[in-house]
């Protein structure tokens, strides 16, 4: 006869140690494959970490979710416990993505919802909370999607009944609209900006502008990534938050063409390097550490002031990628070719987010309509 497995809440007890502060221990029973069970104990944390038994029990909930994976729903699991299990088992492998998720959870979601039981988190409450946050609509959309992923995990782990994810009912106003339009440089502005930026950051700007690379991809370049015979560059890695990482998407790994003029700039940059470089050397490395340069320090020190001198209030590294896309569109490049050069997985990203009409193009289009509607010479 099938024996029902009860949900285990375990027992929290305080244990003394010969050295150091007392610890909180969780006692529970582990069910073995032969049908028997045995007593187990696990240290939750010290009394310095958790001041009382209530805090220690909350900290142990994520572990208990795994222990009760084959048992019934307890009905009182907190959202914070599900977050802990998500961080332990479901966090993406890509470093930059994981870092972003951890930031949203730590700074926004856990402080508000961590102590709430799953069943008490309602769509309207989440929607009102998001409205009250002093964040851009896109950031609010990220928070909503992060909570949706947590609820998807809770449903898969059978902590809540199979049903419509409640976060699907949460609305975020203007989530697809930009709060601030991206900075796009004209050809003249681009050349003028370069005059105000020293090496090696000047060459970094040239590479970003001529190839439309993300700054993480520029910093992740090594000399062996270039095939000078085929005149192309293979994107193999990125450099994010001081660590090497995979490119953003699979499409980001597509090779890009390297023009002879850009090849000349890169060869001059290599000759100007103070030390001899191997093929595995970083192209834009610090002379002090040998590791890729820090992009945000350079942006604050050089790009922002240079942008203001040419009339661009907030010039950042990604502005060069937007400029590249806009120039492709301005000179009549087929949209599919634009997508391939920008290495976007979805062509709608190329059309809706990266391509901006320059003022003169707007003027020409408007002139055609006016001349059609009004008599000549009016």
Protein backbone atom coordinates (compact mmCIF):
# COMPACT_ATOMS: atom_id res chain seq x y z
CA UNK A 1 0.00 0.00 0.00
CA UNK A 2 1.32 3.47 -0.90
CA UNK A 3 2.46 5.40 2.13
CA UNK A 4 1.79 9.13 2.00
CA UNK A 5 4.81 11.34 2.65
CA UNK A 6 3.97 14.22 4.96
CA UNK A 7 5.42 17.66 4.49
CA UNK A 8 8.39 18.10 6.80
CA UNK A 9 8.76 21.38 8.67
CA UNK A 10 11.76 20.06 10.59
CA UNK A 11 12.92 21.10 14.03
CA UNK A 12 15.12 24.13 14.73
CA UNK A 13 17.35 23.92 17.78
CA UNK A 14 20.19 25.99 19.15
CA UNK A 15 23.53 24.22 19.58
CA UNK A 16 26.61 25.37 21.43
CA UNK A 17 30.15 25.09 20.08
CA UNK A 18 33.51 24.94 21.76
CA UNK A 19 34.71 27.90 19.73
CA UNK A 20 32.68 30.67 18.27
CA UNK A 21 29.03 31.59 18.72
CA UNK A 22 26.16 29.11 19.02
CA UNK A 23 24.52 27.89 15.82
CA UNK A 24 20.99 27.04 14.72
CA UNK A 25 20.59 23.46 13.47
CA UNK A 26 17.74 22.00 11.43
CA UNK A 27 16.76 18.42 12.23
CA UNK A 28 14.77 16.53 9.60
CA UNK A 29 14.21 13.04 8.19
CA UNK A 30 15.60 11.92 4.84
CA UNK A 31 13.63 9.31 2.86
CA UNK A 32 15.93 6.74 1.26
CA UNK A 33 15.42 4.86 -1.99
CA UNK A 34 14.72 1.55 -0.16
CA UNK A 35 11.67 3.06 1.56
CA UNK A 36 13.32 3.67 4.91
CA UNK A 37 14.22 7.03 6.41
CA UNK A 38 17.01 8.35 8.59
CA UNK A 39 17.52 11.37 10.84
CA UNK A 40 19.65 14.22 9.51
CA UNK A 41 20.92 17.52 10.82
CA UNK A 42 22.04 20.64 8.96
CA UNK A 43 23.56 23.90 10.24
CA UNK A 44 21.39 26.86 9.22
CA UNK A 45 23.63 29.64 10.56
CA UNK A 46 25.01 31.20 13.71
CA UNK A 47 23.11 33.23 16.30
CA UNK A 48 25.00 36.24 14.98
CA UNK A 49 23.39 35.74 11.57
CA UNK A 50 19.92 34.90 12.92
CA UNK A 51 18.94 36.45 16.22
CA UNK A 52 16.07 34.07 17.01
CA UNK A 53 14.47 30.78 16.02
CA UNK A 54 11.91 32.50 13.76
CA UNK A 55 14.65 34.02 11.60
CA UNK A 56 16.53 30.71 11.48
CA UNK A 57 13.39 28.85 10.38
CA UNK A 58 12.77 31.34 7.58
CA UNK A 59 16.36 30.84 6.43
CA UNK A 60 15.84 27.06 6.37
CA UNK A 61 12.72 27.19 4.18
CA UNK A 62 14.58 27.08 0.90
CA UNK A 63 16.37 23.88 1.94
CA UNK A 64 13.09 22.35 3.16
CA UNK A 65 11.56 22.95 -0.26
CA UNK A 66 14.13 20.55 -1.69
CA UNK A 67 13.61 18.01 1.10
CA UNK A 68 9.85 18.05 0.41
CA UNK A 69 10.14 17.92 -3.36
CA UNK A 70 8.02 14.74 -3.49
CA UNK A 71 5.65 15.78 -0.71
CA UNK A 72 2.44 17.84 -0.68
CA UNK A 73 2.32 21.62 -0.68
CA UNK A 74 2.78 23.10 2.80
CA UNK A 75 0.55 26.07 2.03
CA UNK A 76 2.70 28.61 3.89
CA UNK A 77 5.94 28.83 1.91
CA UNK A 78 7.26 32.38 1.74
CA UNK A 79 8.27 34.09 -1.48
CA UNK A 80 11.74 34.61 0.01
CA UNK A 81 12.19 30.85 0.37
CA UNK A 82 11.31 30.34 -3.29
CA UNK A 83 13.80 33.09 -4.21
CA UNK A 84 16.53 31.24 -2.28
CA UNK A 85 15.83 28.00 -4.10
CA UNK A 86 15.72 29.84 -7.43
CA UNK A 87 19.13 31.38 -6.73
CA UNK A 88 20.54 27.98 -5.81
CA UNK A 89 19.08 25.97 -8.72
CA UNK A 90 17.77 28.18 -11.53
CA UNK A 91 20.07 31.20 -11.83
CA UNK A 92 21.34 31.65 -15.44
CA UNK A 93 24.92 30.60 -16.17
CA UNK A 94 25.84 33.84 -17.95
CA UNK A 95 27.58 36.01 -15.38
CA UNK A 96 26.16 39.37 -16.42
CA UNK A 97 22.59 38.01 -16.59
CA UNK A 98 22.90 36.33 -13.19
CA UNK A 99 24.35 39.51 -11.70
CA UNK A 100 21.41 41.54 -12.99
CA UNK A 101 18.85 39.08 -11.63
CA UNK A 102 20.55 39.02 -8.24
CA UNK A 103 20.47 42.81 -8.12
CA UNK A 104 16.72 43.01 -8.84
CA UNK A 105 15.97 40.34 -6.24
CA UNK A 106 18.22 41.77 -3.53
CA UNK A 107 17.43 45.47 -3.88
CA UNK A 108 13.76 45.47 -4.80
CA UNK A 109 11.82 42.20 -4.74
CA UNK A 110 13.04 40.49 -1.57
CA UNK A 111 12.79 43.58 0.71
CA UNK A 112 9.13 44.01 -0.30
CA UNK A 113 7.84 40.47 -0.85
CA UNK A 114 10.32 38.14 0.86
CA UNK A 115 8.23 37.58 3.99
CA UNK A 116 4.90 37.14 2.16
CA UNK A 117 3.45 33.63 1.75
CA UNK A 118 3.08 32.78 -1.94
CA UNK A 119 -0.70 32.72 -1.80
CA UNK A 120 -0.86 36.25 -0.39
CA UNK A 121 0.96 37.92 -3.29
CA UNK A 122 -1.81 39.30 -5.50
CA UNK A 123 -1.50 40.89 -8.98
CA UNK A 124 -3.15 44.17 -7.96
CA UNK A 125 -0.81 44.59 -4.99
CA UNK A 126 2.23 44.01 -7.19
CA UNK A 127 0.89 46.42 -9.80
CA UNK A 128 0.37 49.18 -7.20
CA UNK A 129 3.85 48.54 -5.80
CA UNK A 130 5.43 48.89 -9.23
CA UNK A 131 3.55 52.15 -9.86
CA UNK A 132 5.03 53.62 -6.69
CA UNK A 133 8.65 52.82 -7.55
CA UNK A 134 10.87 55.63 -8.80
CA UNK A 135 12.13 53.58 -11.74
CA UNK A 136 11.87 53.72 -15.52
CA UNK A 137 9.00 51.71 -17.04
CA UNK A 138 11.48 49.28 -18.59
CA UNK A 139 13.02 48.62 -15.15
CA UNK A 140 9.56 47.99 -13.72
CA UNK A 141 9.01 45.53 -16.54
CA UNK A 142 12.21 43.73 -15.53
CA UNK A 143 10.93 43.43 -11.94
CA UNK A 144 7.59 42.05 -13.11
CA UNK A 145 9.31 39.47 -15.35
CA UNK A 146 11.64 38.47 -12.53
CA UNK A 147 8.66 37.79 -10.25
CA UNK A 148 6.95 35.91 -13.08
CA UNK A 149 9.98 33.60 -13.38
CA UNK A 150 9.93 32.97 -9.62
CA UNK A 151 6.24 32.05 -9.76
CA UNK A 152 6.88 29.76 -12.74
CA UNK A 153 9.43 27.90 -10.61
CA UNK A 154 6.97 27.71 -7.70
CA UNK A 155 4.37 26.18 -10.01
CA UNK A 156 6.86 23.67 -11.40
CA UNK A 157 7.91 22.72 -7.86
CA UNK A 158 4.19 22.28 -7.01
CA UNK A 159 4.26 24.91 -4.29
CA UNK A 160 1.20 26.58 -5.80
CA UNK A 161 -1.55 24.95 -7.90
CA UNK A 162 -1.15 24.75 -11.67
CA UNK A 163 -2.91 27.80 -13.01
CA UNK A 164 -2.33 31.10 -14.75
CA UNK A 165 0.79 32.77 -13.43
CA UNK A 166 -0.58 35.72 -11.36
CA UNK A 167 2.19 38.00 -12.63
CA UNK A 168 0.67 37.67 -16.09
CA UNK A 169 -2.18 39.88 -14.85
CA UNK A 170 0.16 42.66 -13.69
CA UNK A 171 0.21 45.68 -15.99
CA UNK A 172 3.17 48.03 -16.35
CA UNK A 173 2.35 51.27 -18.15
CA UNK A 174 4.60 52.39 -21.01
CA UNK A 175 6.99 49.47 -20.48
CA UNK A 176 7.96 49.50 -24.17
CA UNK A 177 8.52 53.28 -24.37
CA UNK A 178 11.89 54.90 -23.91
CA UNK A 179 12.23 57.46 -21.13
CA UNK A 180 15.20 59.01 -22.94
CA UNK A 181 16.04 58.70 -26.62
CA UNK A 182 19.46 57.16 -27.33
CA UNK A 183 22.25 59.49 -28.40
CA UNK A 184 23.04 59.19 -32.11
CA UNK A 185 26.04 60.95 -33.64
CA UNK A 186 26.31 62.47 -37.07
CA UNK A 187 29.45 61.75 -39.06
CA UNK A 188 30.81 65.18 -38.19
CA UNK A 189 30.07 64.73 -34.49
CA UNK A 190 31.71 61.31 -34.47
CA UNK A 191 34.93 62.68 -35.95
CA UNK A 192 34.90 65.64 -33.58
CA UNK A 193 34.37 63.39 -30.55
CA UNK A 194 37.49 61.41 -31.47
CA UNK A 195 39.56 64.59 -31.26
CA UNK A 196 38.74 64.91 -27.55
CA UNK A 197 39.47 61.29 -26.54
CA UNK A 198 43.01 59.93 -25.97
CA UNK A 199 44.33 56.49 -26.84
CA UNK A 200 43.54 53.67 -26.37
CA UNK A 201 39.95 54.84 -25.79
CA UNK A 202 39.96 56.59 -29.15
CA UNK A 203 40.58 53.30 -30.96
CA UNK A 204 37.91 51.63 -28.82
CA UNK A 205 35.45 54.27 -30.06
CA UNK A 206 36.53 53.64 -33.65
CA UNK A 207 35.97 49.88 -33.32
CA UNK A 208 32.60 50.37 -31.61
CA UNK A 209 31.49 52.87 -34.24
CA UNK A 210 32.76 51.01 -37.31
CA UNK A 211 31.52 47.55 -36.28
CA UNK A 212 28.56 48.38 -34.01
CA UNK A 213 29.93 46.19 -31.22
CA UNK A 214 28.71 46.32 -27.65
CA UNK A 215 31.36 47.63 -25.24
CA UNK A 216 31.52 44.20 -23.55
CA UNK A 217 32.41 42.70 -26.95
CA UNK A 218 35.02 45.39 -27.66
CA UNK A 219 36.73 44.67 -24.34
CA UNK A 220 36.52 40.92 -24.95
CA UNK A 221 38.49 41.10 -28.20
CA UNK A 222 41.80 39.28 -28.55
CA UNK A 223 44.15 39.49 -31.54
CA UNK A 224 43.47 35.88 -32.49
CA UNK A 225 39.80 36.77 -33.10
CA UNK A 226 40.78 38.57 -36.33
CA UNK A 227 41.16 36.67 -39.59
CA UNK A 228 43.16 39.14 -41.66
CA UNK A 229 43.07 36.99 -44.81
CA UNK A 230 39.27 36.79 -44.82
CA UNK A 231 39.05 40.32 -43.38
CA UNK A 232 36.57 39.37 -40.72
CA UNK A 233 36.24 39.31 -36.94
CA UNK A 234 34.82 36.42 -34.94
CA UNK A 235 33.07 37.45 -31.71
CA UNK A 236 33.97 34.72 -29.23
CA UNK A 237 33.55 36.31 -25.81
CA UNK A 238 32.58 39.41 -23.87
CA UNK A 239 34.07 41.09 -20.80
CA UNK A 240 31.48 41.99 -18.17
CA UNK A 241 32.05 43.30 -14.65
CA UNK A 242 35.70 42.27 -14.66
CA UNK A 243 35.13 38.70 -15.86
CA UNK A 244 35.14 36.94 -19.24
CA UNK A 245 31.69 35.79 -20.34
CA UNK A 246 29.78 34.38 -23.28
CA UNK A 247 28.42 36.81 -25.90
CA UNK A 248 24.92 38.07 -25.19
CA UNK A 249 23.16 35.65 -27.56
CA UNK A 250 24.04 32.90 -30.00
CA UNK A 251 23.49 35.35 -32.85
CA UNK A 252 26.06 37.68 -31.28
CA UNK A 253 28.76 35.17 -32.24
CA UNK A 254 28.29 35.83 -35.95
CA UNK A 255 31.44 37.06 -37.74
CA UNK A 256 31.55 40.68 -38.86
CA UNK A 257 33.50 42.15 -41.81
CA UNK A 258 36.60 44.27 -41.20
CA UNK A 259 37.30 47.01 -43.71
CA UNK A 260 40.88 47.77 -44.79
CA UNK A 261 40.68 51.23 -43.23
CA UNK A 262 39.75 49.75 -39.84
CA UNK A 263 42.43 47.08 -40.22
CA UNK A 264 45.00 49.85 -40.65
CA UNK A 265 43.82 51.56 -37.42
CA UNK A 266 44.08 48.30 -35.49
CA UNK A 267 47.56 47.48 -36.79
CA UNK A 268 48.74 50.96 -35.79
CA UNK A 269 47.23 50.43 -32.35
CA UNK A 270 49.11 47.14 -32.00
CA UNK A 271 52.42 48.70 -32.98
CA UNK A 272 51.88 51.48 -30.44
CA UNK A 273 51.40 49.05 -27.55
CA UNK A 274 54.30 49.36 -25.06
CA UNK A 275 54.89 45.60 -24.81
CA UNK A 276 54.99 42.80 -27.36
CA UNK A 277 51.64 41.08 -27.64
CA UNK A 278 50.74 37.46 -28.32
CA UNK A 279 47.70 36.35 -30.30
CA UNK A 280 45.85 35.60 -27.04
CA UNK A 281 46.45 39.08 -25.63
CA UNK A 282 43.55 41.41 -24.97
CA UNK A 283 43.41 44.18 -27.58
CA UNK A 284 42.40 46.87 -25.10
CA UNK A 285 44.26 45.90 -21.94
CA UNK A 286 45.50 47.98 -19.04
CA UNK A 287 49.28 48.41 -19.09
CA UNK A 288 49.23 47.97 -15.32
CA UNK A 289 47.15 44.80 -14.93
CA UNK A 290 47.14 43.26 -18.42
CA UNK A 291 43.36 42.86 -18.12
CA UNK A 292 40.75 44.71 -20.22
CA UNK A 293 40.17 48.35 -19.35
CA UNK A 294 37.30 49.55 -17.19
CA UNK A 295 34.65 51.01 -19.55
CA UNK A 296 32.60 53.08 -17.12
CA UNK A 297 35.60 55.00 -15.78
CA UNK A 298 36.52 55.92 -19.36
CA UNK A 299 32.92 56.88 -20.11
CA UNK A 300 32.74 59.22 -17.13
CA UNK A 301 36.19 60.72 -17.70
CA UNK A 302 36.28 61.03 -21.50
CA UNK A 303 33.05 60.18 -23.34
CA UNK A 304 30.62 62.35 -21.38
CA UNK A 305 32.80 65.51 -21.58
CA UNK A 306 33.55 64.88 -25.28
CA UNK A 307 29.84 64.43 -25.99
CA UNK A 308 28.92 67.71 -24.33
CA UNK A 309 31.50 69.52 -26.46
CA UNK A 310 29.75 68.37 -29.65
CA UNK A 311 26.21 68.89 -28.36
CA UNK A 312 25.41 65.36 -27.08
CA UNK A 313 24.34 65.49 -23.44
CA UNK A 314 24.76 61.82 -22.52
CA UNK A 315 27.27 60.11 -24.80
CA UNK A 316 27.89 56.51 -23.77
CA UNK A 317 29.50 53.44 -25.28
CA UNK A 318 26.17 52.15 -26.59
CA UNK A 319 25.68 55.40 -28.52
CA UNK A 320 28.20 54.11 -31.08
CA UNK A 321 26.09 51.01 -31.68
CA UNK A 322 22.97 53.16 -32.21
CA UNK A 323 24.96 55.44 -34.52
CA UNK A 324 26.15 52.46 -36.56
CA UNK A 325 22.58 51.19 -36.95
CA UNK A 326 21.24 54.60 -37.90
CA UNK A 327 23.91 55.17 -40.55
CA UNK A 328 23.22 51.75 -42.06
CA UNK A 329 19.57 52.69 -42.38
CA UNK A 330 20.32 56.22 -43.62
CA UNK A 331 22.32 54.94 -46.58
CA UNK A 332 19.66 52.49 -47.70
CA UNK A 333 21.04 49.22 -46.32
CA UNK A 334 18.58 46.34 -46.61
CA UNK A 335 16.97 45.70 -43.23
CA UNK A 336 17.99 42.04 -43.24
CA UNK A 337 21.60 43.09 -43.80
CA UNK A 338 21.26 45.55 -40.92
CA UNK A 339 20.08 42.73 -38.67
CA UNK A 340 23.00 40.55 -39.69
CA UNK A 341 25.56 43.30 -39.09
CA UNK A 342 24.10 44.16 -35.68
CA UNK A 343 23.76 40.42 -34.91
CA UNK A 344 20.24 40.77 -33.55
CA UNK A 345 18.25 37.58 -32.98
CA UNK A 346 14.97 39.38 -33.82
CA UNK A 347 14.67 41.80 -36.71
CA UNK A 348 12.12 43.83 -34.70
CA UNK A 349 14.93 44.85 -32.35
CA UNK A 350 16.79 46.32 -35.32
CA UNK A 351 13.75 48.21 -36.56
CA UNK A 352 12.16 49.36 -33.31
CA UNK A 353 15.06 50.03 -30.96
CA UNK A 354 18.23 50.72 -32.91
CA UNK A 355 17.28 52.55 -36.08
CA UNK A 356 16.72 56.31 -35.73
CA UNK A 357 16.00 58.64 -38.62
CA UNK A 358 18.47 61.52 -38.84
CA UNK A 359 17.03 65.08 -39.09
CA UNK A 360 17.92 65.60 -42.75
CA UNK A 361 16.09 62.45 -43.74
CA UNK A 362 13.02 63.67 -41.91
CA UNK A 363 13.32 66.99 -43.76
CA UNK A 364 13.56 65.30 -47.18
CA UNK A 365 10.55 63.07 -46.49
CA UNK A 366 8.51 66.01 -45.24
CA UNK A 367 9.48 68.11 -48.29
CA UNK A 368 8.12 65.45 -50.66
CA UNK A 369 4.74 65.42 -48.94
CA UNK A 370 4.52 69.22 -48.81
CA UNK A 371 5.33 69.55 -52.53
CA UNK A 372 2.61 67.02 -53.33
CA UNK A 373 -0.02 68.79 -51.23
CA UNK A 374 0.75 72.43 -52.04
CA UNK A 375 1.02 74.11 -55.45
CA UNK A 376 4.54 74.68 -56.75
CA UNK A 377 5.92 78.05 -55.65
CA UNK A 378 3.60 78.47 -52.66
